[in-house]
């Protein structure tokens, strides 16, 4: 029994270290209104908060890249109704990003959004 408990303790310690995060803080972008590279290096994406103008629909495409050249991380595109107020998309656990986070916004009105992320 003692060997089993010790083995389980080592297994839990190994799993905890495999999924451990660094002490790097989580960041949030300022309120963005156009297509933008929110982060240009590897890290983790925790989510997005989008605020439509109250009238026009918004379509959000998000890429693991520093441009809209490829590597979509949300399939299909995230579409919000204009009258829905602020909406949040969260990733739990956070999504690993290898190249950066680029957000492509399509709307006939105005929109603001923020990206929550952590750099490696």
PDB file of N, CA and C in Angstrom:
ATOM      1  N   UNK A   1       0.826  -1.186   0.000  1.00  0.00           N
ATOM      2  CA  UNK A   1       0.000   0.000   0.000  1.00  0.00           C
ATOM      3  C   UNK A   1       0.874   1.254   0.000  1.00  0.00           C
ATOM      4  N   UNK A   2       1.937   1.229   0.781  1.00  0.00           N
ATOM      5  CA  UNK A   2       2.825   2.386   0.858  1.00  0.00           C
ATOM      6  C   UNK A   2       3.454   2.670  -0.510  1.00  0.00           C
ATOM      7  N   UNK A   3       3.829   1.596  -1.240  1.00  0.00           N
ATOM      8  CA  UNK A   3       4.420   1.762  -2.572  1.00  0.00           C
ATOM      9  C   UNK A   3       3.407   2.376  -3.536  1.00  0.00           C
ATOM     10  N   UNK A   4       2.156   1.970  -3.415  1.00  0.00           N
ATOM     11  CA  UNK A   4       1.105   2.516  -4.268  1.00  0.00           C
ATOM     12  C   UNK A   4       0.928   4.005  -4.011  1.00  0.00           C
ATOM     13  N   UNK A   5       0.910   4.412  -2.769  1.00  0.00           N
ATOM     14  CA  UNK A   5       0.749   5.826  -2.423  1.00  0.00           C
ATOM     15  C   UNK A   5       1.933   6.642  -2.926  1.00  0.00           C
ATOM     16  N   UNK A   6       3.143   6.114  -2.775  1.00  0.00           N
ATOM     17  CA  UNK A   6       4.335   6.818  -3.255  1.00  0.00           C
ATOM     18  C   UNK A   6       4.308   6.921  -4.776  1.00  0.00           C
ATOM     19  N   UNK A   7       3.904   5.843  -5.443  1.00  0.00           N
ATOM     20  CA  UNK A   7       3.811   5.871  -6.907  1.00  0.00           C
ATOM     21  C   UNK A   7       2.799   6.897  -7.380  1.00  0.00           C
ATOM     22  N   UNK A   8       1.645   6.955  -6.710  1.00  0.00           N
ATOM     23  CA  UNK A   8       0.628   7.944  -7.068  1.00  0.00           C
ATOM     24  C   UNK A   8       1.120   9.364  -6.832  1.00  0.00           C
ATOM     25  N   UNK A   9       1.865   9.579  -5.761  1.00  0.00           N
ATOM     26  CA  UNK A   9       2.410  10.907  -5.479  1.00  0.00           C
ATOM     27  C   UNK A   9       3.378  11.337  -6.575  1.00  0.00           C
ATOM     28  N   UNK A  10       4.244  10.427  -7.031  1.00  0.00           N
ATOM     29  CA  UNK A  10       5.177  10.744  -8.118  1.00  0.00           C
ATOM     30  C   UNK A  10       4.430  11.006  -9.423  1.00  0.00           C
ATOM     31  N   UNK A  11       3.382  10.228  -9.685  1.00  0.00           N
ATOM     32  CA  UNK A  11       2.589  10.421 -10.895  1.00  0.00           C
ATOM     33  C   UNK A  11       1.906  11.783 -10.875  1.00  0.00           C
ATOM     34  N   UNK A  12       1.316  12.151  -9.757  1.00  0.00           N
ATOM     35  CA  UNK A  12       0.669  13.462  -9.653  1.00  0.00           C
ATOM     36  C   UNK A  12       1.674  14.595  -9.795  1.00  0.00           C
ATOM     37  N   UNK A  13       2.849  14.438  -9.212  1.00  0.00           N
ATOM     38  CA  UNK A  13       3.885  15.468  -9.336  1.00  0.00           C
ATOM     39  C   UNK A  13       4.333  15.615 -10.779  1.00  0.00           C
ATOM     40  N   UNK A  14       4.480  14.490 -11.481  1.00  0.00           N
ATOM     41  CA  UNK A  14       4.888  14.534 -12.891  1.00  0.00           C
ATOM     42  C   UNK A  14       3.827  15.209 -13.743  1.00  0.00           C
ATOM     43  N   UNK A  15       2.554  14.891 -13.498  1.00  0.00           N
ATOM     44  CA  UNK A  15       1.463  15.519 -14.259  1.00  0.00           C
ATOM     45  C   UNK A  15       1.393  17.011 -13.963  1.00  0.00           C
ATOM     46  N   UNK A  16       1.563  17.382 -12.715  1.00  0.00           N
ATOM     47  CA  UNK A  16       1.492  18.800 -12.349  1.00  0.00           C
ATOM     48  C   UNK A  16       2.603  19.580 -13.027  1.00  0.00           C
ATOM     49  N   UNK A  17       3.801  19.021 -13.087  1.00  0.00           N
ATOM     50  CA  UNK A  17       4.897  19.749 -13.735  1.00  0.00           C
ATOM     51  C   UNK A  17       4.724  19.791 -15.245  1.00  0.00           C
ATOM     52  N   UNK A  18       4.088  18.792 -15.830  1.00  0.00           N
ATOM     53  CA  UNK A  18       3.873  18.783 -17.277  1.00  0.00           C
ATOM     54  C   UNK A  18       2.885  19.868 -17.689  1.00  0.00           C
ATOM     55  N   UNK A  19       1.932  20.198 -16.812  1.00  0.00           N
ATOM     56  CA  UNK A  19       0.918  21.190 -17.143  1.00  0.00           C
ATOM     57  C   UNK A  19       1.119  22.507 -16.410  1.00  0.00           C
ATOM     58  N   UNK A  20       2.243  22.651 -15.770  1.00  0.00           N
ATOM     59  CA  UNK A  20       2.493  23.868 -15.004  1.00  0.00           C
ATOM     60  C   UNK A  20       2.699  25.056 -15.931  1.00  0.00           C
ATOM     61  N   UNK A  21       2.189  26.186 -15.525  1.00  0.00           N
ATOM     62  CA  UNK A  21       2.378  27.416 -16.261  1.00  0.00           C
ATOM     63  C   UNK A  21       3.471  28.225 -15.581  1.00  0.00           C
ATOM     64  N   UNK A  22       4.101  29.045 -16.343  1.00  0.00           N
ATOM     65  CA  UNK A  22       5.111  29.911 -15.762  1.00  0.00           C
ATOM     66  C   UNK A  22       4.413  31.023 -14.985  1.00  0.00           C
ATOM     67  N   UNK A  23       5.196  31.829 -14.332  1.00  0.00           N
ATOM     68  CA  UNK A  23       4.612  32.932 -13.575  1.00  0.00           C
ATOM     69  C   UNK A  23       4.425  34.178 -14.432  1.00  0.00           C
ATOM     70  N   UNK A  24       4.459  34.010 -15.757  1.00  0.00           N
ATOM     71  CA  UNK A  24       4.227  35.113 -16.676  1.00  0.00           C
ATOM     72  C   UNK A  24       2.784  35.593 -16.523  1.00  0.00           C
ATOM     73  N   UNK A  25       2.557  36.894 -16.415  1.00  0.00           N
ATOM     74  CA  UNK A  25       1.195  37.393 -16.198  1.00  0.00           C
ATOM     75  C   UNK A  25       0.311  37.274 -17.443  1.00  0.00           C
ATOM     76  N   UNK A  26      -0.992  37.250 -17.215  1.00  0.00           N
ATOM     77  CA  UNK A  26      -1.938  37.294 -18.323  1.00  0.00           C
ATOM     78  C   UNK A  26      -2.113  38.755 -18.730  1.00  0.00           C
ATOM     79  N   UNK A  27      -2.186  38.994 -20.018  1.00  0.00           N
ATOM     80  CA  UNK A  27      -2.333  40.342 -20.558  1.00  0.00           C
ATOM     81  C   UNK A  27      -3.682  40.463 -21.243  1.00  0.00           C
ATOM     82  N   UNK A  28      -4.120  41.690 -21.429  1.00  0.00           N
ATOM     83  CA  UNK A  28      -5.313  41.976 -22.213  1.00  0.00           C
ATOM     84  C   UNK A  28      -4.974  43.167 -23.102  1.00  0.00           C
ATOM     85  N   UNK A  29      -5.401  43.092 -24.356  1.00  0.00           N
ATOM     86  CA  UNK A  29      -5.152  44.203 -25.269  1.00  0.00           C
ATOM     87  C   UNK A  29      -6.018  45.391 -24.874  1.00  0.00           C
ATOM     88  N   UNK A  30      -5.675  46.552 -25.370  1.00  0.00           N
ATOM     89  CA  UNK A  30      -6.586  47.686 -25.251  1.00  0.00           C
ATOM     90  C   UNK A  30      -7.785  47.384 -26.143  1.00  0.00           C
ATOM     91  N   UNK A  31      -8.809  48.195 -26.093  1.00  0.00           N
ATOM     92  CA  UNK A  31      -9.978  47.979 -26.945  1.00  0.00           C
ATOM     93  C   UNK A  31      -9.578  48.210 -28.400  1.00  0.00           C
ATOM     94  N   UNK A  32      -9.610  47.144 -29.191  1.00  0.00           N
ATOM     95  CA  UNK A  32      -9.249  47.214 -30.612  1.00  0.00           C
ATOM     96  C   UNK A  32     -10.515  47.360 -31.440  1.00  0.00           C
ATOM     97  N   UNK A  33     -10.414  48.013 -32.600  1.00  0.00           N
ATOM     98  CA  UNK A  33     -11.598  48.244 -33.433  1.00  0.00           C
ATOM     99  C   UNK A  33     -11.434  47.753 -34.868  1.00  0.00           C
ATOM    100  N   UNK A  34     -10.237  47.360 -35.255  1.00  0.00           N
ATOM    101  CA  UNK A  34      -9.968  46.899 -36.625  1.00  0.00           C
ATOM    102  C   UNK A  34      -9.230  45.568 -36.571  1.00  0.00           C
ATOM    103  N   UNK A  35      -9.008  44.974 -37.761  1.00  0.00           N
ATOM    104  CA  UNK A  35      -8.170  43.778 -37.841  1.00  0.00           C
ATOM    105  C   UNK A  35      -6.835  44.096 -37.175  1.00  0.00           C
ATOM    106  N   UNK A  36      -6.326  43.142 -36.393  1.00  0.00           N
ATOM    107  CA  UNK A  36      -5.114  43.463 -35.639  1.00  0.00           C
ATOM    108  C   UNK A  36      -4.378  42.208 -35.198  1.00  0.00           C
ATOM    109  N   UNK A  37      -3.043  42.330 -35.111  1.00  0.00           N
ATOM    110  CA  UNK A  37      -2.214  41.304 -34.486  1.00  0.00           C
ATOM    111  C   UNK A  37      -2.177  41.622 -32.994  1.00  0.00           C
ATOM    112  N   UNK A  38      -2.916  40.875 -32.197  1.00  0.00           N
ATOM    113  CA  UNK A  38      -3.007  41.128 -30.763  1.00  0.00           C
ATOM    114  C   UNK A  38      -1.757  40.659 -30.030  1.00  0.00           C
ATOM    115  N   UNK A  39      -1.110  39.621 -30.553  1.00  0.00           N
ATOM    116  CA  UNK A  39       0.127  39.096 -29.974  1.00  0.00           C
ATOM    117  C   UNK A  39       0.967  38.568 -31.124  1.00  0.00           C
ATOM    118  N   UNK A  40       2.262  38.787 -31.082  1.00  0.00           N
ATOM    119  CA  UNK A  40       3.122  38.388 -32.208  1.00  0.00           C
ATOM    120  C   UNK A  40       4.197  37.390 -31.799  1.00  0.00           C
ATOM    121  N   UNK A  41       3.927  36.582 -30.790  1.00  0.00           N
ATOM    122  CA  UNK A  41       4.882  35.581 -30.338  1.00  0.00           C
ATOM    123  C   UNK A  41       4.104  34.404 -29.754  1.00  0.00           C
ATOM    124  N   UNK A  42       4.779  33.293 -29.466  1.00  0.00           N
ATOM    125  CA  UNK A  42       4.090  32.140 -28.877  1.00  0.00           C
ATOM    126  C   UNK A  42       3.516  32.461 -27.500  1.00  0.00           C
ATOM    127  N   UNK A  43       2.459  31.748 -27.144  1.00  0.00           N
ATOM    128  CA  UNK A  43       1.857  31.936 -25.837  1.00  0.00           C
ATOM    129  C   UNK A  43       0.553  31.168 -25.728  1.00  0.00           C
ATOM    130  N   UNK A  44      -0.380  31.716 -24.981  1.00  0.00           N
ATOM    131  CA  UNK A  44      -1.686  31.093 -24.774  1.00  0.00           C
ATOM    132  C   UNK A  44      -2.776  32.132 -24.946  1.00  0.00           C
ATOM    133  N   UNK A  45      -3.867  31.726 -25.577  1.00  0.00           N
ATOM    134  CA  UNK A  45      -5.036  32.589 -25.728  1.00  0.00           C
ATOM    135  C   UNK A  45      -6.093  32.120 -24.732  1.00  0.00           C
ATOM    136  N   UNK A  46      -6.531  33.049 -23.873  1.00  0.00           N
ATOM    137  CA  UNK A  46      -7.543  32.742 -22.876  1.00  0.00           C
ATOM    138  C   UNK A  46      -8.949  33.075 -23.364  1.00  0.00           C
ATOM    139  N   UNK A  47      -9.055  33.992 -24.335  1.00  0.00           N
ATOM    140  CA  UNK A  47     -10.371  34.309 -24.859  1.00  0.00           C
ATOM    141  C   UNK A  47     -10.460  35.706 -25.433  1.00  0.00           C
ATOM    142  N   UNK A  48     -11.660  36.036 -25.895  1.00  0.00           N
ATOM    143  CA  UNK A  48     -11.937  37.340 -26.492  1.00  0.00           C
ATOM    144  C   UNK A  48     -13.237  37.883 -25.911  1.00  0.00           C
ATOM    145  N   UNK A  49     -13.321  39.194 -25.796  1.00  0.00           N
ATOM    146  CA  UNK A  49     -14.567  39.864 -25.446  1.00  0.00           C
ATOM    147  C   UNK A  49     -14.868  40.855 -26.565  1.00  0.00           C
ATOM    148  N   UNK A  50     -16.048  40.721 -27.160  1.00  0.00           N
ATOM    149  CA  UNK A  50     -16.430  41.529 -28.316  1.00  0.00           C
ATOM    150  C   UNK A  50     -17.684  42.335 -27.980  1.00  0.00           C
ATOM    151  N   UNK A  51     -17.649  43.620 -28.354  1.00  0.00           N
ATOM    152  CA  UNK A  51     -18.801  44.496 -28.138  1.00  0.00           C
ATOM    153  C   UNK A  51     -19.235  45.087 -29.483  1.00  0.00           C
ATOM    154  N   UNK A  52     -20.351  44.574 -30.052  1.00  0.00           N
ATOM    155  CA  UNK A  52     -20.879  45.148 -31.286  1.00  0.00           C
ATOM    156  C   UNK A  52     -21.488  46.525 -31.038  1.00  0.00           C
ATOM    157  N   UNK A  53     -21.861  47.216 -32.109  1.00  0.00           N
ATOM    158  CA  UNK A  53     -22.386  48.575 -31.988  1.00  0.00           C
ATOM    159  C   UNK A  53     -23.856  48.636 -31.601  1.00  0.00           C
ATOM    160  N   UNK A  54     -24.509  47.499 -31.427  1.00  0.00           N
ATOM    161  CA  UNK A  54     -25.917  47.489 -31.038  1.00  0.00           C
ATOM    162  C   UNK A  54     -26.860  47.313 -32.212  1.00  0.00           C
ATOM    163  N   UNK A  55     -26.333  47.345 -33.436  1.00  0.00           N
ATOM    164  CA  UNK A  55     -27.170  47.225 -34.623  1.00  0.00           C
ATOM    165  C   UNK A  55     -26.654  46.178 -35.607  1.00  0.00           C
ATOM    166  N   UNK A  56     -25.363  46.244 -35.924  1.00  0.00           N
ATOM    167  CA  UNK A  56     -24.791  45.425 -36.993  1.00  0.00           C
ATOM    168  C   UNK A  56     -24.140  44.147 -36.470  1.00  0.00           C
ATOM    169  N   UNK A  57     -24.311  43.065 -37.236  1.00  0.00           N
ATOM    170  CA  UNK A  57     -23.676  41.797 -36.889  1.00  0.00           C
ATOM    171  C   UNK A  57     -22.172  41.899 -37.070  1.00  0.00           C
ATOM    172  N   UNK A  58     -21.444  41.040 -36.364  1.00  0.00           N
ATOM    173  CA  UNK A  58     -19.982  41.018 -36.423  1.00  0.00           C
ATOM    174  C   UNK A  58     -19.535  39.575 -36.635  1.00  0.00           C
ATOM    175  N   UNK A  59     -18.575  39.387 -37.539  1.00  0.00           N
ATOM    176  CA  UNK A  59     -17.960  38.078 -37.741  1.00  0.00           C
ATOM    177  C   UNK A  59     -16.497  38.182 -37.360  1.00  0.00           C
ATOM    178  N   UNK A  60     -16.055  37.267 -36.500  1.00  0.00           N
ATOM    179  CA  UNK A  60     -14.683  37.262 -35.997  1.00  0.00           C
ATOM    180  C   UNK A  60     -13.980  36.001 -36.490  1.00  0.00           C
ATOM    181  N   UNK A  61     -12.858  36.180 -37.157  1.00  0.00           N
ATOM    182  CA  UNK A  61     -11.959  35.080 -37.503  1.00  0.00           C
ATOM    183  C   UNK A  61     -10.675  35.302 -36.716  1.00  0.00           C
ATOM    184  N   UNK A  62     -10.211  34.263 -36.033  1.00  0.00           N
ATOM    185  CA  UNK A  62      -9.017  34.369 -35.209  1.00  0.00           C
ATOM    186  C   UNK A  62      -7.990  33.362 -35.699  1.00  0.00           C
ATOM    187  N   UNK A  63      -6.742  33.816 -35.831  1.00  0.00           N
ATOM    188  CA  UNK A  63      -5.679  32.999 -36.416  1.00  0.00           C
ATOM    189  C   UNK A  63      -4.499  32.845 -35.461  1.00  0.00           C
ATOM    190  N   UNK A  64      -3.857  31.686 -35.525  1.00  0.00           N
ATOM    191  CA  UNK A  64      -2.576  31.460 -34.848  1.00  0.00           C
ATOM    192  C   UNK A  64      -1.508  31.903 -35.838  1.00  0.00           C
ATOM    193  N   UNK A  65      -1.346  33.222 -35.937  1.00  0.00           N
ATOM    194  CA  UNK A  65      -0.459  33.809 -36.938  1.00  0.00           C
ATOM    195  C   UNK A  65      -0.339  35.305 -36.630  1.00  0.00           C
ATOM    196  N   UNK A  66       0.559  35.980 -37.316  1.00  0.00           N
ATOM    197  CA  UNK A  66       0.644  37.435 -37.153  1.00  0.00           C
ATOM    198  C   UNK A  66      -0.091  38.163 -38.269  1.00  0.00           C
ATOM    199  N   UNK A  67      -0.849  37.388 -39.075  1.00  0.00           N
ATOM    200  CA  UNK A  67      -1.695  37.951 -40.134  1.00  0.00           C
ATOM    201  C   UNK A  67      -2.824  36.956 -40.389  1.00  0.00           C
ATOM    202  N   UNK A  68      -3.708  37.292 -41.324  1.00  0.00           N
ATOM    203  CA  UNK A  68      -4.819  36.400 -41.663  1.00  0.00           C
ATOM    204  C   UNK A  68      -4.400  35.374 -42.714  1.00  0.00           C
ATOM    205  N   UNK A  69      -3.125  35.022 -42.754  1.00  0.00           N
ATOM    206  CA  UNK A  69      -2.590  34.120 -43.781  1.00  0.00           C
ATOM    207  C   UNK A  69      -2.908  32.651 -43.523  1.00  0.00           C
ATOM    208  N   UNK A  70      -3.354  32.292 -42.367  1.00  0.00           N
ATOM    209  CA  UNK A  70      -3.691  30.891 -42.117  1.00  0.00           C
ATOM    210  C   UNK A  70      -3.563  30.536 -40.659  1.00  0.00           C
ATOM    211  N   UNK A  71      -3.991  29.326 -40.323  1.00  0.00           N
ATOM    212  CA  UNK A  71      -3.922  28.833 -38.965  1.00  0.00           C
ATOM    213  C   UNK A  71      -5.097  29.257 -38.106  1.00  0.00           C
ATOM    214  N   UNK A  72      -6.334  29.157 -38.643  1.00  0.00           N
ATOM    215  CA  UNK A  72      -7.521  29.545 -37.869  1.00  0.00           C
ATOM    216  C   UNK A  72      -7.601  28.757 -36.573  1.00  0.00           C
ATOM    217  N   UNK A  73      -7.943  29.442 -35.489  1.00  0.00           N
ATOM    218  CA  UNK A  73      -8.095  28.744 -34.216  1.00  0.00           C
ATOM    219  C   UNK A  73      -9.557  28.627 -33.781  1.00  0.00           C
ATOM    220  N   UNK A  74     -10.471  29.286 -34.471  1.00  0.00           N
ATOM    221  CA  UNK A  74     -11.897  29.144 -34.195  1.00  0.00           C
ATOM    222  C   UNK A  74     -12.573  28.731 -35.495  1.00  0.00           C
ATOM    223  N   UNK A  75     -13.222  27.540 -35.481  1.00  0.00           N
ATOM    224  CA  UNK A  75     -13.926  27.036 -36.667  1.00  0.00           C
ATOM    225  C   UNK A  75     -15.360  26.753 -36.287  1.00  0.00           C
ATOM    226  N   UNK A  76     -16.353  27.176 -36.996  1.00  0.00           N
ATOM    227  CA  UNK A  76     -16.290  28.201 -38.041  1.00  0.00           C
ATOM    228  C   UNK A  76     -16.076  29.569 -37.406  1.00  0.00           C
ATOM    229  N   UNK A  77     -16.135  30.598 -38.224  1.00  0.00           N
ATOM    230  CA  UNK A  77     -15.981  31.965 -37.713  1.00  0.00           C
ATOM    231  C   UNK A  77     -17.035  32.223 -36.632  1.00  0.00           C
ATOM    232  N   UNK A  78     -16.700  33.061 -35.684  1.00  0.00           N
ATOM    233  CA  UNK A  78     -17.607  33.415 -34.593  1.00  0.00           C
ATOM    234  C   UNK A  78     -18.441  34.594 -35.050  1.00  0.00           C
ATOM    235  N   UNK A  79     -19.773  34.423 -35.112  1.00  0.00           N
ATOM    236  CA  UNK A  79     -20.666  35.483 -35.554  1.00  0.00           C
ATOM    237  C   UNK A  79     -21.547  35.926 -34.396  1.00  0.00           C
ATOM    238  N   UNK A  80     -21.576  37.238 -34.179  1.00  0.00           N
ATOM    239  CA  UNK A  80     -22.363  37.820 -33.098  1.00  0.00           C
ATOM    240  C   UNK A  80     -23.445  38.706 -33.693  1.00  0.00           C
ATOM    241  N   UNK A  81     -24.622  38.711 -33.079  1.00  0.00           N
ATOM    242  CA  UNK A  81     -25.665  39.624 -33.527  1.00  0.00           C
ATOM    243  C   UNK A  81     -25.385  40.996 -32.929  1.00  0.00           C
ATOM    244  N   UNK A  82     -25.647  42.024 -33.700  1.00  0.00           N
ATOM    245  CA  UNK A  82     -25.353  43.386 -33.277  1.00  0.00           C
ATOM    246  C   UNK A  82     -26.084  43.817 -32.031  1.00  0.00           C
ATOM    247  N   UNK A  83     -27.284  43.279 -31.826  1.00  0.00           N
ATOM    248  CA  UNK A  83     -28.092  43.701 -30.688  1.00  0.00           C
ATOM    249  C   UNK A  83     -27.844  42.852 -29.447  1.00  0.00           C
ATOM    250  N   UNK A  84     -26.880  41.945 -29.496  1.00  0.00           N
ATOM    251  CA  UNK A  84     -26.660  41.021 -28.388  1.00  0.00           C
ATOM    252  C   UNK A  84     -25.825  41.555 -27.245  1.00  0.00           C
ATOM    253  N   UNK A  85     -25.284  42.767 -27.353  1.00  0.00           N
ATOM    254  CA  UNK A  85     -24.417  43.296 -26.297  1.00  0.00           C
ATOM    255  C   UNK A  85     -23.060  42.606 -26.315  1.00  0.00           C
ATOM    256  N   UNK A  86     -22.237  42.904 -25.338  1.00  0.00           N
ATOM    257  CA  UNK A  86     -20.904  42.300 -25.253  1.00  0.00           C
ATOM    258  C   UNK A  86     -21.020  40.797 -25.055  1.00  0.00           C
ATOM    259  N   UNK A  87     -20.149  40.074 -25.757  1.00  0.00           N
ATOM    260  CA  UNK A  87     -20.111  38.622 -25.624  1.00  0.00           C
ATOM    261  C   UNK A  87     -18.668  38.181 -25.437  1.00  0.00           C
ATOM    262  N   UNK A  88     -18.485  37.099 -24.694  1.00  0.00           N
ATOM    263  CA  UNK A  88     -17.156  36.590 -24.393  1.00  0.00           C
ATOM    264  C   UNK A  88     -17.029  35.159 -24.877  1.00  0.00           C
ATOM    265  N   UNK A  89     -15.872  34.862 -25.460  1.00  0.00           N
ATOM    266  CA  UNK A  89     -15.519  33.499 -25.846  1.00  0.00           C
ATOM    267  C   UNK A  89     -14.294  33.137 -25.020  1.00  0.00           C
ATOM    268  N   UNK A  90     -14.416  32.110 -24.180  1.00  0.00           N
ATOM    269  CA  UNK A  90     -13.326  31.726 -23.296  1.00  0.00           C
ATOM    270  C   UNK A  90     -12.794  30.352 -23.659  1.00  0.00           C
ATOM    271  N   UNK A  91     -11.495  30.156 -23.470  1.00  0.00           N
ATOM    272  CA  UNK A  91     -10.858  28.856 -23.683  1.00  0.00           C
ATOM    273  C   UNK A  91     -10.369  28.351 -22.335  1.00  0.00           C
ATOM    274  N   UNK A  92     -10.894  27.216 -21.906  1.00  0.00           N
ATOM    275  CA  UNK A  92     -10.467  26.612 -20.649  1.00  0.00           C
ATOM    276  C   UNK A  92     -10.271  25.121 -20.868  1.00  0.00           C
ATOM    277  N   UNK A  93      -9.048  24.670 -20.962  1.00  0.00           N
ATOM    278  CA  UNK A  93      -7.790  25.378 -20.717  1.00  0.00           C
ATOM    279  C   UNK A  93      -7.490  26.346 -21.846  1.00  0.00           C
ATOM    280  N   UNK A  94      -6.571  27.278 -21.609  1.00  0.00           N
ATOM    281  CA  UNK A  94      -6.233  28.242 -22.654  1.00  0.00           C
ATOM    282  C   UNK A  94      -5.668  27.544 -23.881  1.00  0.00           C
ATOM    283  N   UNK A  95      -5.875  28.161 -25.048  1.00  0.00           N
ATOM    284  CA  UNK A  95      -5.423  27.586 -26.312  1.00  0.00           C
ATOM    285  C   UNK A  95      -3.949  27.937 -26.549  1.00  0.00           C
ATOM    286  N   UNK A  96      -3.152  26.925 -26.836  1.00  0.00           N
ATOM    287  CA  UNK A  96      -1.739  27.167 -27.113  1.00  0.00           C
ATOM    288  C   UNK A  96      -1.588  27.853 -28.464  1.00  0.00           C
ATOM    289  N   UNK A  97      -0.792  28.912 -28.490  1.00  0.00           N
ATOM    290  CA  UNK A  97      -0.553  29.691 -29.702  1.00  0.00           C
ATOM    291  C   UNK A  97       0.928  29.586 -30.042  1.00  0.00           C
ATOM    292  N   UNK A  98       1.236  29.223 -31.275  1.00  0.00           N
ATOM    293  CA  UNK A  98       2.632  29.038 -31.673  1.00  0.00           C
ATOM    294  C   UNK A  98       3.236  30.261 -32.368  1.00  0.00           C
ATOM    295  N   UNK A  99       2.411  31.060 -33.052  1.00  0.00           N
ATOM    296  CA  UNK A  99       2.942  32.150 -33.875  1.00  0.00           C
ATOM    297  C   UNK A  99       2.466  33.540 -33.472  1.00  0.00           C
ATOM    298  N   UNK A 100       1.357  33.641 -32.813  1.00  0.00           N
ATOM    299  CA  UNK A 100       0.769  34.921 -32.465  1.00  0.00           C
ATOM    300  C   UNK A 100      -0.744  34.833 -32.596  1.00  0.00           C
ATOM    301  N   UNK A 101      -1.422  35.904 -32.261  1.00  0.00           N
ATOM    302  CA  UNK A 101      -2.886  35.948 -32.369  1.00  0.00           C
ATOM    303  C   UNK A 101      -3.256  37.105 -33.287  1.00  0.00           C
ATOM    304  N   UNK A 102      -3.941  36.786 -34.383  1.00  0.00           N
ATOM    305  CA  UNK A 102      -4.421  37.803 -35.307  1.00  0.00           C
ATOM    306  C   UNK A 102      -5.935  37.708 -35.354  1.00  0.00           C
ATOM    307  N   UNK A 103      -6.615  38.843 -35.207  1.00  0.00           N
ATOM    308  CA  UNK A 103      -8.071  38.881 -35.223  1.00  0.00           C
ATOM    309  C   UNK A 103      -8.525  39.659 -36.458  1.00  0.00           C
ATOM    310  N   UNK A 104      -9.376  39.012 -37.250  1.00  0.00           N
ATOM    311  CA  UNK A 104      -9.947  39.607 -38.456  1.00  0.00           C
ATOM    312  C   UNK A 104     -11.426  39.866 -38.178  1.00  0.00           C
ATOM    313  N   UNK A 105     -11.840  41.140 -38.237  1.00  0.00           N
ATOM    314  CA  UNK A 105     -13.200  41.556 -37.906  1.00  0.00           C
ATOM    315  C   UNK A 105     -13.924  41.997 -39.170  1.00  0.00           C
ATOM    316  N   UNK A 106     -15.149  41.476 -39.354  1.00  0.00           N
ATOM    317  CA  UNK A 106     -15.972  41.892 -40.486  1.00  0.00           C
ATOM    318  C   UNK A 106     -17.318  42.385 -39.957  1.00  0.00           C
ATOM    319  N   UNK A 107     -17.637  43.646 -40.264  1.00  0.00           N
ATOM    320  CA  UNK A 107     -18.919  44.230 -39.872  1.00  0.00           C
ATOM    321  C   UNK A 107     -19.173  45.459 -40.737  1.00  0.00           C
ATOM    322  N   UNK A 108     -20.432  45.827 -40.887  1.00  0.00           N
ATOM    323  CA  UNK A 108     -20.754  47.061 -41.612  1.00  0.00           C
ATOM    324  C   UNK A 108     -20.842  48.237 -40.653  1.00  0.00           C
ATOM    325  N   UNK A 109     -20.772  47.955 -39.367  1.00  0.00           N
ATOM    326  CA  UNK A 109     -20.832  49.007 -38.354  1.00  0.00           C
ATOM    327  C   UNK A 109     -19.502  49.139 -37.637  1.00  0.00           C
ATOM    328  N   UNK A 110     -19.576  49.416 -36.357  1.00  0.00           N
ATOM    329  CA  UNK A 110     -18.367  49.525 -35.543  1.00  0.00           C
ATOM    330  C   UNK A 110     -18.368  48.416 -34.495  1.00  0.00           C
ATOM    331  N   UNK A 111     -17.189  48.091 -34.019  1.00  0.00           N
ATOM    332  CA  UNK A 111     -17.038  47.032 -33.028  1.00  0.00           C
ATOM    333  C   UNK A 111     -15.788  47.326 -32.208  1.00  0.00           C
ATOM    334  N   UNK A 112     -15.781  46.871 -30.988  1.00  0.00           N
ATOM    335  CA  UNK A 112     -14.544  46.893 -30.204  1.00  0.00           C
ATOM    336  C   UNK A 112     -14.385  45.503 -29.594  1.00  0.00           C
ATOM    337  N   UNK A 113     -13.127  45.117 -29.402  1.00  0.00           N
ATOM    338  CA  UNK A 113     -12.860  43.796 -28.828  1.00  0.00           C
ATOM    339  C   UNK A 113     -11.545  43.834 -28.069  1.00  0.00           C
ATOM    340  N   UNK A 114     -11.398  42.886 -27.157  1.00  0.00           N
ATOM    341  CA  UNK A 114     -10.163  42.721 -26.399  1.00  0.00           C
ATOM    342  C   UNK A 114      -9.789  41.248 -26.420  1.00  0.00           C
ATOM    343  N   UNK A 115      -8.495  40.974 -26.452  1.00  0.00           N
ATOM    344  CA  UNK A 115      -7.976  39.608 -26.452  1.00  0.00           C
ATOM    345  C   UNK A 115      -7.214  39.399 -25.153  1.00  0.00           C
ATOM    346  N   UNK A 116      -7.518  38.304 -24.474  1.00  0.00           N
ATOM    347  CA  UNK A 116      -6.826  37.930 -23.241  1.00  0.00           C
ATOM    348  C   UNK A 116      -5.798  36.862 -23.589  1.00  0.00           C
ATOM    349  N   UNK A 117      -4.537  37.079 -23.224  1.00  0.00           N
ATOM    350  CA  UNK A 117      -3.470  36.166 -23.633  1.00  0.00           C
ATOM    351  C   UNK A 117      -2.323  36.176 -22.615  1.00  0.00           C
ATOM    352  N   UNK A 118      -1.434  35.203 -22.782  1.00  0.00           N
ATOM    353  CA  UNK A 118      -0.222  35.130 -21.974  1.00  0.00           C
ATOM    354  C   UNK A 118       0.923  34.757 -22.897  1.00  0.00           C
ATOM    355  N   UNK A 119       2.004  35.513 -22.819  1.00  0.00           N
ATOM    356  CA  UNK A 119       3.196  35.231 -23.619  1.00  0.00           C
ATOM    357  C   UNK A 119       4.019  34.136 -22.940  1.00  0.00           C
ATOM    358  N   UNK A 120       4.755  33.406 -23.745  1.00  0.00           N
ATOM    359  CA  UNK A 120       5.678  32.428 -23.157  1.00  0.00           C
ATOM    360  C   UNK A 120       6.941  33.102 -22.708  1.00  0.00           C
TER     361      UNK A 120
END
